[in-house]
């Protein structure tokens, strides 16, 4: 899993000076992180009251959108089943891998017009991702029902309990070879059929009980067996028909949800930076990819670099708290 920290710091005389200061402290001498400028456009500031309320709303929206990103990614893995190794190549944002999208982030003016108020932009994103979440529930429910029905029929018509398979043909004479099939199973046991001559039934039951198998009489119903096979064929065909469109929908909407999530991160950095650093807007947003071996050192360096901004800044940055002084947002790559 790849982790990024999205932070902002107040501009010096120029934002470039802020960037240069960060680069000097974290990369040029000690290789603590790989850094990228995170471009946020000139958004409408609005009133202080609106910004304060929006800060809380965006925190909640951030968590919700991230949860949808996770759900879509996880369901992609579930749907691909035996092809889970191909999940990564299907989890893209705007046609590129997630690291590339984050490190080269550009605000999508068409989807989220910056002439709109911050409140309106957040509502656009909320409505969009809520629709994705609702559609996912509907599509997943339909596909899971189909998949579950097919699996139940496959279990009913397949063998697979080693002890039984090794034993049943030798429990008595006149057992028809390879005649056993799994008809039903639950969490505790499985129900198998077996075919044998009538005169061997009593002996078979006795030997089965000795081997801790429970025997019941079974009436063969050819029409029922035929109906099961036909139903299994139909379900299998339906599953194949739904698989392609479902994977395409998941690819498209993972991209949409992930893009929306990063825009929410950008909104949060903007709002929190204005609230903390004041007007006129003057801050530099930066994306840091920490070196895993020097996480503690990076926190210490950032703390030393910016602790003068606030009397309460003595604490080391906690990236699990995205509302820290430096607007540190933890972004993890989902795969």
Protein backbone atom coordinates (compact mmCIF):
# COMPACT_ATOMS: atom_id res chain seq x y z
CA UNK A 1 0.00 0.00 0.00
CA UNK A 2 1.35 3.41 -1.00
CA UNK A 3 0.73 6.30 1.40
CA UNK A 4 0.83 10.02 0.73
CA UNK A 5 0.58 13.00 3.04
CA UNK A 6 -1.23 16.02 1.67
CA UNK A 7 -0.18 19.12 3.61
CA UNK A 8 -0.27 22.88 3.28
CA UNK A 9 1.97 25.56 4.69
CA UNK A 10 1.54 29.33 4.61
CA UNK A 11 3.26 31.13 1.76
CA UNK A 12 6.47 32.98 2.44
CA UNK A 13 6.98 36.05 0.24
CA UNK A 14 6.07 33.64 -2.54
CA UNK A 15 4.66 30.12 -2.54
CA UNK A 16 7.78 28.99 -4.38
CA UNK A 17 9.84 29.92 -1.33
CA UNK A 18 7.55 27.75 0.81
CA UNK A 19 8.10 24.88 -1.62
CA UNK A 20 11.88 25.35 -1.67
CA UNK A 21 11.98 25.37 2.13
CA UNK A 22 10.06 22.09 2.28
CA UNK A 23 12.26 20.47 -0.36
CA UNK A 24 15.44 21.52 1.43
CA UNK A 25 14.21 20.07 4.72
CA UNK A 26 12.87 16.75 3.45
CA UNK A 27 14.66 15.68 0.29
CA UNK A 28 17.87 17.46 -0.62
CA UNK A 29 19.99 16.20 2.27
CA UNK A 30 18.13 13.34 3.94
CA UNK A 31 15.73 11.73 1.41
CA UNK A 32 12.82 11.61 3.86
CA UNK A 33 10.13 11.84 1.22
CA UNK A 34 9.35 12.34 -2.46
CA UNK A 35 7.43 15.59 -2.85
CA UNK A 36 5.05 17.02 -5.44
CA UNK A 37 3.26 20.34 -5.68
CA UNK A 38 -0.49 19.85 -5.32
CA UNK A 39 -2.27 22.35 -7.51
CA UNK A 40 -5.47 23.84 -6.10
CA UNK A 41 -7.19 26.52 -8.21
CA UNK A 42 -8.46 29.89 -6.95
CA UNK A 43 -11.71 28.79 -5.34
CA UNK A 44 -14.41 31.10 -3.99
CA UNK A 45 -13.70 31.77 -0.34
CA UNK A 46 -17.14 32.82 0.92
CA UNK A 47 -17.80 33.93 4.49
CA UNK A 48 -16.05 32.78 7.64
CA UNK A 49 -19.24 31.21 9.01
CA UNK A 50 -19.70 29.17 5.84
CA UNK A 51 -16.08 28.01 5.94
CA UNK A 52 -16.34 26.89 9.57
CA UNK A 53 -19.49 24.86 8.87
CA UNK A 54 -18.08 23.50 5.64
CA UNK A 55 -14.94 22.28 7.42
CA UNK A 56 -17.00 19.83 9.49
CA UNK A 57 -19.17 18.80 6.54
CA UNK A 58 -16.15 18.10 4.34
CA UNK A 59 -14.58 15.90 7.04
CA UNK A 60 -17.70 13.73 7.04
CA UNK A 61 -17.93 13.74 3.25
CA UNK A 62 -14.25 12.75 3.04
CA UNK A 63 -14.91 9.64 5.15
CA UNK A 64 -18.02 8.74 3.17
CA UNK A 65 -16.36 9.08 -0.24
CA UNK A 66 -13.35 7.07 0.91
CA UNK A 67 -15.69 4.30 2.09
CA UNK A 68 -17.31 4.19 -1.35
CA UNK A 69 -13.90 4.03 -3.05
CA UNK A 70 -13.03 1.07 -0.80
CA UNK A 71 -16.32 -0.70 -1.47
CA UNK A 72 -16.03 -0.40 -5.24
CA UNK A 73 -12.41 -1.61 -5.16
CA UNK A 74 -13.28 -4.56 -2.90
CA UNK A 75 -16.24 -5.55 -5.02
CA UNK A 76 -14.06 -5.43 -8.12
CA UNK A 77 -11.81 -8.00 -6.43
CA UNK A 78 -14.83 -10.13 -5.46
CA UNK A 79 -16.25 -10.11 -9.00
CA UNK A 80 -12.93 -10.98 -10.64
CA UNK A 81 -12.67 -14.06 -8.37
CA UNK A 82 -9.83 -16.20 -9.75
CA UNK A 83 -8.48 -13.22 -11.74
CA UNK A 84 -7.82 -11.09 -8.66
CA UNK A 85 -4.29 -10.53 -9.92
CA UNK A 86 -5.86 -8.25 -12.54
CA UNK A 87 -7.56 -6.00 -9.99
CA UNK A 88 -4.75 -3.45 -10.00
CA UNK A 89 -4.90 -2.89 -13.75
CA UNK A 90 -8.63 -2.16 -13.47
CA UNK A 91 -8.34 0.38 -10.65
CA UNK A 92 -7.43 3.51 -12.57
CA UNK A 93 -8.33 7.19 -12.34
CA UNK A 94 -8.86 9.04 -15.61
CA UNK A 95 -7.13 6.17 -17.39
CA UNK A 96 -3.89 6.33 -15.41
CA UNK A 97 -2.64 4.52 -12.30
CA UNK A 98 -3.56 6.08 -8.97
CA UNK A 99 -0.07 7.29 -8.07
CA UNK A 100 0.23 9.11 -11.39
CA UNK A 101 -3.18 10.70 -10.96
CA UNK A 102 -2.43 11.93 -7.43
CA UNK A 103 1.07 13.24 -8.15
CA UNK A 104 -0.11 15.05 -11.31
CA UNK A 105 -3.43 16.20 -9.92
CA UNK A 106 -5.27 18.86 -11.88
CA UNK A 107 -8.64 20.22 -10.83
CA UNK A 108 -11.45 19.03 -13.13
CA UNK A 109 -13.07 22.30 -14.16
CA UNK A 110 -15.81 20.59 -16.18
CA UNK A 111 -17.08 18.40 -13.35
CA UNK A 112 -16.53 20.87 -10.53
CA UNK A 113 -16.69 24.45 -11.88
CA UNK A 114 -14.70 26.80 -9.66
CA UNK A 115 -17.20 29.61 -10.32
CA UNK A 116 -19.53 27.64 -8.04
CA UNK A 117 -19.36 28.19 -4.30
CA UNK A 118 -17.41 25.73 -2.16
CA UNK A 119 -20.71 24.56 -0.69
CA UNK A 120 -22.16 23.84 -4.14
CA UNK A 121 -19.05 21.95 -5.24
CA UNK A 122 -19.21 19.76 -2.14
CA UNK A 123 -22.90 19.08 -2.79
CA UNK A 124 -22.16 18.12 -6.41
CA UNK A 125 -19.58 15.60 -5.18
CA UNK A 126 -21.87 14.30 -2.43
CA UNK A 127 -24.74 13.73 -4.85
CA UNK A 128 -22.46 12.06 -7.41
CA UNK A 129 -20.86 9.63 -4.94
CA UNK A 130 -24.16 8.86 -3.20
CA UNK A 131 -25.54 7.79 -6.58
CA UNK A 132 -22.51 5.55 -7.16
CA UNK A 133 -23.01 4.01 -3.71
CA UNK A 134 -26.71 3.34 -4.35
CA UNK A 135 -26.05 1.89 -7.80
CA UNK A 136 -23.34 -0.36 -6.38
CA UNK A 137 -25.75 -1.76 -3.79
CA UNK A 138 -28.35 -2.52 -6.47
CA UNK A 139 -25.92 -4.09 -8.93
CA UNK A 140 -24.06 -6.05 -6.25
CA UNK A 141 -27.30 -7.43 -4.83
CA UNK A 142 -28.49 -8.66 -8.23
CA UNK A 143 -25.13 -10.21 -9.14
CA UNK A 144 -24.62 -11.76 -5.71
CA UNK A 145 -28.06 -13.39 -5.83
CA UNK A 146 -27.31 -14.84 -9.24
CA UNK A 147 -23.87 -16.01 -8.12
CA UNK A 148 -25.25 -17.50 -4.91
CA UNK A 149 -27.99 -19.44 -6.70
CA UNK A 150 -25.45 -20.82 -9.14
CA UNK A 151 -23.05 -21.84 -6.37
CA UNK A 152 -25.83 -23.64 -4.51
CA UNK A 153 -26.69 -25.67 -7.60
CA UNK A 154 -23.03 -26.40 -8.29
CA UNK A 155 -22.59 -27.71 -4.75
CA UNK A 156 -25.66 -29.86 -5.14
CA UNK A 157 -24.29 -31.46 -8.30
CA UNK A 158 -20.62 -31.76 -7.36
CA UNK A 159 -18.58 -34.16 -5.20
CA UNK A 160 -15.84 -33.11 -2.89
CA UNK A 161 -15.74 -34.69 0.55
CA UNK A 162 -12.55 -36.79 0.51
CA UNK A 163 -13.39 -39.25 3.27
CA UNK A 164 -16.74 -40.12 1.77
CA UNK A 165 -15.36 -40.39 -1.74
CA UNK A 166 -12.58 -42.71 -0.64
CA UNK A 167 -14.91 -44.93 1.39
CA UNK A 168 -18.42 -45.28 0.01
CA UNK A 169 -17.66 -47.72 -2.86
CA UNK A 170 -16.13 -50.22 -0.40
CA UNK A 171 -18.71 -50.05 2.41
CA UNK A 172 -20.63 -52.97 0.87
CA UNK A 173 -20.77 -55.10 -2.23
CA UNK A 174 -22.82 -54.01 -5.25
CA UNK A 175 -22.29 -50.23 -4.82
CA UNK A 176 -22.36 -48.55 -8.22
CA UNK A 177 -18.94 -46.96 -8.79
CA UNK A 178 -18.82 -43.16 -9.09
CA UNK A 179 -22.54 -42.94 -8.29
CA UNK A 180 -22.29 -40.50 -5.36
CA UNK A 181 -23.21 -36.82 -5.75
CA UNK A 182 -23.42 -33.96 -3.26
CA UNK A 183 -27.07 -32.91 -3.11
CA UNK A 184 -27.06 -30.33 -0.33
CA UNK A 185 -24.80 -28.90 2.36
CA UNK A 186 -24.93 -26.47 5.24
CA UNK A 187 -22.34 -25.33 7.77
CA UNK A 188 -22.32 -28.69 9.51
CA UNK A 189 -22.67 -31.45 6.94
CA UNK A 190 -23.34 -32.51 3.35
CA UNK A 191 -26.04 -34.75 1.86
CA UNK A 192 -24.75 -37.25 -0.73
CA UNK A 193 -26.60 -39.66 -2.95
CA UNK A 194 -25.27 -43.14 -3.71
CA UNK A 195 -26.64 -45.94 -5.90
CA UNK A 196 -26.49 -49.66 -4.96
CA UNK A 197 -28.44 -52.92 -5.33
CA UNK A 198 -31.37 -53.41 -2.94
CA UNK A 199 -29.99 -56.53 -1.28
CA UNK A 200 -26.87 -54.61 -0.25
CA UNK A 201 -28.77 -51.81 1.49
CA UNK A 202 -28.78 -53.21 5.05
CA UNK A 203 -25.10 -54.10 4.95
CA UNK A 204 -24.28 -50.67 3.49
CA UNK A 205 -26.23 -48.88 6.23
CA UNK A 206 -24.47 -50.87 8.95
CA UNK A 207 -20.98 -50.22 7.56
CA UNK A 208 -21.83 -46.55 6.92
CA UNK A 209 -22.82 -46.06 10.56
CA UNK A 210 -19.60 -47.72 11.69
CA UNK A 211 -17.78 -45.07 9.67
CA UNK A 212 -19.94 -42.32 11.22
CA UNK A 213 -22.05 -41.72 8.11
CA UNK A 214 -25.82 -41.27 8.50
CA UNK A 215 -27.91 -43.07 5.84
CA UNK A 216 -31.32 -41.98 4.52
CA UNK A 217 -33.48 -43.36 1.73
CA UNK A 218 -33.54 -41.30 -1.45
CA UNK A 219 -36.01 -41.34 -4.35
CA UNK A 220 -34.42 -40.61 -7.70
CA UNK A 221 -36.30 -37.96 -9.68
CA UNK A 222 -35.00 -37.65 -13.22
CA UNK A 223 -37.15 -34.61 -14.01
CA UNK A 224 -35.87 -32.76 -10.97
CA UNK A 225 -32.27 -33.57 -11.84
CA UNK A 226 -32.83 -32.39 -15.40
CA UNK A 227 -34.46 -29.18 -14.18
CA UNK A 228 -31.47 -28.49 -11.91
CA UNK A 229 -29.03 -28.90 -14.79
CA UNK A 230 -31.09 -26.62 -17.01
CA UNK A 231 -31.31 -24.02 -14.25
CA UNK A 232 -27.57 -24.23 -13.66
CA UNK A 233 -26.91 -23.71 -17.38
CA UNK A 234 -29.24 -20.70 -17.41
CA UNK A 235 -27.65 -19.15 -14.33
CA UNK A 236 -24.15 -19.73 -15.67
CA UNK A 237 -25.09 -18.03 -18.96
CA UNK A 238 -26.69 -15.10 -17.12
CA UNK A 239 -23.60 -14.70 -14.95
CA UNK A 240 -21.32 -14.55 -17.99
CA UNK A 241 -23.61 -11.97 -19.61
CA UNK A 242 -23.57 -9.77 -16.53
CA UNK A 243 -19.85 -10.13 -15.78
CA UNK A 244 -18.49 -7.90 -18.56
CA UNK A 245 -20.89 -4.97 -18.11
CA UNK A 246 -20.48 -5.15 -14.31
CA UNK A 247 -16.67 -5.01 -14.49
CA UNK A 248 -16.88 -2.07 -16.90
CA UNK A 249 -19.27 -0.27 -14.55
CA UNK A 250 -16.94 -0.89 -11.61
CA UNK A 251 -13.94 0.43 -13.55
CA UNK A 252 -15.73 3.61 -14.58
CA UNK A 253 -17.22 4.30 -11.17
CA UNK A 254 -14.09 3.48 -9.22
CA UNK A 255 -12.40 6.15 -11.31
CA UNK A 256 -15.24 8.60 -10.68
CA UNK A 257 -15.30 7.93 -6.93
CA UNK A 258 -11.51 8.15 -6.57
CA UNK A 259 -11.36 11.41 -8.53
CA UNK A 260 -14.16 12.83 -6.38
CA UNK A 261 -12.27 11.77 -3.24
CA UNK A 262 -9.10 13.61 -4.24
CA UNK A 263 -11.13 16.71 -5.06
CA UNK A 264 -12.62 16.51 -1.57
CA UNK A 265 -9.07 16.40 -0.21
CA UNK A 266 -8.27 19.52 -2.23
CA UNK A 267 -11.38 21.27 -0.89
CA UNK A 268 -10.45 20.40 2.69
CA UNK A 269 -6.91 21.68 2.29
CA UNK A 270 -8.21 24.94 0.82
CA UNK A 271 -10.88 25.52 3.48
CA UNK A 272 -8.65 24.59 6.42
CA UNK A 273 -5.75 26.65 5.09
CA UNK A 274 -7.91 29.77 4.73
CA UNK A 275 -9.33 29.26 8.22
CA UNK A 276 -5.90 28.80 9.77
CA UNK A 277 -3.73 31.15 7.70
CA UNK A 278 -6.29 33.84 6.92
CA UNK A 279 -6.76 36.13 3.93
CA UNK A 280 -5.59 36.89 1.35
CA UNK A 281 -5.27 33.26 0.29
CA UNK A 282 -1.57 32.44 0.40
CA UNK A 283 -0.49 28.87 1.00
CA UNK A 284 1.32 26.07 -0.78
CA UNK A 285 -0.27 22.61 -0.92
CA UNK A 286 2.22 19.78 -1.15
CA UNK A 287 1.99 16.03 -1.58
CA UNK A 288 4.60 14.00 0.28
CA UNK A 289 5.30 10.32 -0.30
CA UNK A 290 7.19 9.32 2.87
CA UNK A 291 10.10 6.95 2.89
CA UNK A 292 8.78 4.08 5.04
CA UNK A 293 12.08 3.74 6.88
CA UNK A 294 12.16 7.40 7.98
CA UNK A 295 8.54 8.15 8.92
CA UNK A 296 9.43 9.21 12.46
CA UNK A 297 12.23 11.47 11.26
CA UNK A 298 9.93 13.09 8.68
CA UNK A 299 7.36 13.88 11.37
CA UNK A 300 10.08 15.46 13.52
CA UNK A 301 11.40 17.56 10.64
CA UNK A 302 7.94 18.84 9.73
CA UNK A 303 7.20 19.61 13.36
CA UNK A 304 10.44 21.59 13.73
CA UNK A 305 9.83 23.39 10.44
CA UNK A 306 6.34 24.66 11.29
CA UNK A 307 5.87 24.55 15.06
CA UNK A 308 6.22 28.35 15.19
CA UNK A 309 2.84 28.70 13.47
CA UNK A 310 0.84 27.85 16.59
CA UNK A 311 1.51 27.65 20.32
CA UNK A 312 -0.11 24.20 20.37
CA UNK A 313 2.16 22.85 17.63
CA UNK A 314 4.54 21.03 19.92
CA UNK A 315 2.94 17.70 19.08
CA UNK A 316 4.41 15.60 16.32
CA UNK A 317 2.23 15.32 13.24
CA UNK A 318 -0.28 12.53 13.56
CA UNK A 319 -1.32 11.56 10.04
CA UNK A 320 -4.28 9.65 11.42
CA UNK A 321 -5.68 13.08 12.29
CA UNK A 322 -6.16 14.85 8.95
CA UNK A 323 -6.97 18.18 10.61
CA UNK A 324 -3.52 18.77 12.03
CA UNK A 325 -1.81 22.15 11.82
CA UNK A 326 -0.25 21.37 8.45
CA UNK A 327 -3.52 20.06 7.03
CA UNK A 328 -1.92 16.64 6.81
CA UNK A 329 -4.22 14.32 4.88
CA UNK A 330 -3.29 10.67 4.55
CA UNK A 331 -4.10 9.23 1.14
CA UNK A 332 -3.67 5.49 0.66
CA UNK A 333 -3.62 3.78 -2.71
CA UNK A 334 -6.30 1.12 -2.97
CA UNK A 335 -5.61 -2.14 -4.71
